[in-house]
Amino acid sequence: MFAQCDVVIAAAFNINVCGDPAGGLNITFSWGENRVDAGLVEGFIADFQEELRRVVAL
């Protein structure tokens, strides 16, 4: 899985999505420790996972 690293001049928060022809899906999240509160990002990721599970169950 490829993901964007945290660099000085870049987005404060990154979402990387990679799929394959067989239907596999990888999603990674990265953020700058000093630019974004970890609790905020962890809450976003938890909400994202919950919503993704809901969509997949449809």
Protein backbone atom coordinates (compact mmCIF):
# COMPACT_ATOMS: atom_id res chain seq x y z
CA MET A 1 0.00 0.00 0.00
CA PHE A 2 1.29 3.41 -0.92
CA ALA A 3 0.51 6.40 1.27
CA GLN A 4 1.45 10.05 1.31
CA CYS A 5 3.98 10.93 3.94
CA ASP A 6 3.79 14.01 6.13
CA VAL A 7 5.87 16.80 4.62
CA VAL A 8 6.38 20.39 5.72
CA ILE A 9 4.42 21.95 2.85
CA ALA A 10 1.43 19.69 2.27
CA ALA A 11 -2.10 18.99 3.36
CA ALA A 12 -2.59 18.68 7.10
CA PHE A 13 -4.61 15.47 6.60
CA ASN A 14 -4.44 12.87 3.81
CA ILE A 15 -6.72 10.02 2.78
CA ASN A 16 -5.28 7.47 0.34
CA VAL A 17 -7.49 4.90 -1.39
CA CYS A 18 -6.23 1.96 -3.44
CA GLY A 19 -8.33 -0.84 -4.93
CA ASP A 20 -7.64 -3.94 -6.96
CA PRO A 21 -9.58 -5.75 -9.71
CA ALA A 22 -10.60 -8.53 -7.30
CA GLY A 23 -12.50 -6.03 -5.15
CA GLY A 24 -9.97 -5.42 -2.39
CA LEU A 25 -9.79 -1.93 -0.94
CA ASN A 26 -7.15 -0.27 1.23
CA ILE A 27 -7.63 3.12 2.84
CA THR A 28 -4.89 4.89 4.76
CA PHE A 29 -4.97 8.11 6.74
CA SER A 30 -1.97 10.29 7.56
CA TRP A 31 -1.63 13.67 9.23
CA GLY A 32 0.90 16.07 10.65
CA GLU A 33 1.22 15.58 14.41
CA ASN A 34 1.80 19.26 15.04
CA ARG A 35 -0.85 20.46 12.58
CA VAL A 36 -3.93 18.42 13.44
CA ASP A 37 -5.19 17.29 16.85
CA ALA A 38 -4.88 13.50 17.06
CA GLY A 39 -8.26 13.20 18.81
CA LEU A 40 -9.97 15.00 15.94
CA VAL A 41 -8.41 12.70 13.35
CA GLU A 42 -9.09 9.55 15.38
CA GLY A 43 -12.73 10.61 15.74
CA PHE A 44 -12.96 11.22 11.99
CA ILE A 45 -11.47 7.80 11.25
CA ALA A 46 -13.89 6.07 13.64
CA ASP A 47 -16.86 7.84 12.00
CA PHE A 48 -15.49 7.00 8.54
CA GLN A 49 -15.18 3.30 9.46
CA GLU A 50 -18.71 3.22 10.85
CA GLU A 51 -20.18 4.85 7.75
CA LEU A 52 -18.17 2.60 5.41
CA ARG A 53 -19.49 -0.49 7.22
CA ARG A 54 -23.03 0.86 6.86
CA VAL A 55 -22.58 1.45 3.12
CA VAL A 56 -21.04 -1.99 2.55
CA ALA A 57 -23.96 -3.64 4.38
CA LEU A 58 -26.52 -2.13 1.94
